[in-house]
Amino acid sequence: MTNLNENINYTVVISIDAGEFFESASATLQKKLDRCFERLKINPRNHPNIKSLKGELSGYYRYRVDDYRVIHEINDDLKLVTIIFIAHISKVYE
């Protein structure tokens, strides 16, 4: 029997900080981030640019977009991906 929830996409919610970063980004980066958000809706864990984080950030994931990182968390029960923040790699892990 097929699980009906198996094909349901996730909802992506963007935090205020991540939204402010997005709005200030170049049009080119915004387009790439939009593609990232669309991919996260389909499968927030399985993509070559996605890795689970360790240490203090355990429980979070990162999606690589050029020299930027999209840090997100996943709630499978609610089918929800929350974008916590977006930053240049030089600032992400500070």
Protein backbone atom coordinates (compact mmCIF):
# COMPACT_ATOMS: atom_id res chain seq x y z
CA MET A 1 0.00 0.00 0.00
CA THR A 2 1.31 3.46 -0.90
CA ASN A 3 1.67 6.08 1.78
CA LEU A 4 -0.49 9.03 0.67
CA ASN A 5 1.82 11.53 2.39
CA GLU A 6 4.78 10.29 0.38
CA ASN A 7 4.08 12.61 -2.58
CA ILE A 8 3.08 15.67 -0.59
CA ASN A 9 5.47 18.56 -0.96
CA TYR A 10 6.83 20.45 2.00
CA THR A 11 5.92 24.06 2.71
CA VAL A 12 8.89 26.43 2.88
CA VAL A 13 8.73 29.25 5.44
CA ILE A 14 11.38 31.97 5.46
CA SER A 15 12.44 33.67 8.70
CA ILE A 16 12.58 37.45 8.89
CA ASP A 17 16.41 37.43 8.82
CA ALA A 18 16.49 35.14 5.78
CA GLY A 19 13.83 37.25 4.07
CA GLU A 20 15.83 40.42 4.64
CA PHE A 21 18.91 38.76 3.18
CA PHE A 22 16.90 37.58 0.16
CA GLU A 23 15.50 41.06 -0.48
CA SER A 24 18.99 42.61 -0.38
CA ALA A 25 20.54 39.96 -2.66
CA SER A 26 21.26 40.50 -6.34
CA ALA A 27 18.63 39.42 -8.88
CA THR A 28 20.91 36.56 -9.97
CA LEU A 29 21.29 35.26 -6.42
CA GLN A 30 17.55 35.66 -5.79
CA LYS A 31 16.82 33.46 -8.81
CA LYS A 32 19.22 30.79 -7.51
CA LEU A 33 17.68 30.98 -4.03
CA ASP A 34 14.20 30.60 -5.54
CA ARG A 35 15.39 27.39 -7.23
CA CYS A 36 16.78 26.22 -3.89
CA PHE A 37 13.43 26.85 -2.17
CA GLU A 38 11.58 24.93 -4.89
CA ARG A 39 13.93 21.96 -4.50
CA LEU A 40 13.50 22.02 -0.72
CA LYS A 41 9.72 21.79 -1.21
CA ILE A 42 10.15 18.53 -3.11
CA ASN A 43 12.81 16.86 -0.97
CA PRO A 44 14.53 18.83 1.80
CA ARG A 45 17.17 16.16 2.51
CA ASN A 46 18.18 14.53 -0.75
CA HIS A 47 20.19 16.76 -3.07
CA PRO A 48 23.94 16.99 -3.72
CA ASN A 49 23.97 20.53 -2.26
CA ILE A 50 22.30 19.49 1.03
CA LYS A 51 24.21 18.27 4.07
CA SER A 52 23.15 17.73 7.67
CA LEU A 53 25.10 19.85 10.11
CA LYS A 54 26.96 18.66 13.18
CA GLY A 55 28.04 20.05 16.52
CA GLU A 56 26.18 23.13 17.73
CA LEU A 57 24.11 23.14 14.53
CA SER A 58 23.10 19.49 14.81
CA GLY A 59 19.49 19.05 13.67
CA TYR A 60 19.85 21.68 10.97
CA TYR A 61 20.75 21.32 7.30
CA ARG A 62 22.57 23.50 4.85
CA TYR A 63 21.91 23.96 1.16
CA ARG A 64 24.87 25.29 -0.84
CA VAL A 65 24.11 28.07 -3.34
CA ASP A 66 27.41 29.24 -4.83
CA ASP A 67 29.37 30.85 -1.96
CA TYR A 68 26.23 31.14 0.18
CA ARG A 69 24.61 28.74 2.60
CA VAL A 70 20.90 28.36 3.29
CA ILE A 71 20.50 26.97 6.81
CA HIS A 72 17.19 25.23 7.37
CA GLU A 73 15.35 22.87 9.66
CA ILE A 74 12.80 20.23 8.72
CA ASN A 75 9.58 19.24 10.48
CA ASP A 76 8.39 16.02 8.83
CA ASP A 77 5.17 15.85 10.86
CA LEU A 78 4.05 19.24 9.53
CA LYS A 79 5.80 18.84 6.15
CA LEU A 80 7.51 22.15 6.89
CA VAL A 81 10.95 23.49 5.98
CA THR A 82 11.97 26.64 7.85
CA ILE A 83 14.76 28.74 6.34
CA ILE A 84 16.58 29.98 9.44
CA PHE A 85 19.15 32.19 7.73
CA ILE A 86 21.11 32.73 4.55
CA ALA A 87 24.68 34.01 4.60
CA HIS A 88 27.98 34.02 2.80
CA ILE A 89 30.09 31.01 3.75
CA SER A 90 32.59 33.30 5.52
CA LYS A 91 29.89 34.33 8.03
CA VAL A 92 27.70 31.24 8.31
CA TYR A 93 29.63 29.19 10.85
CA GLU A 94 30.81 32.05 13.10
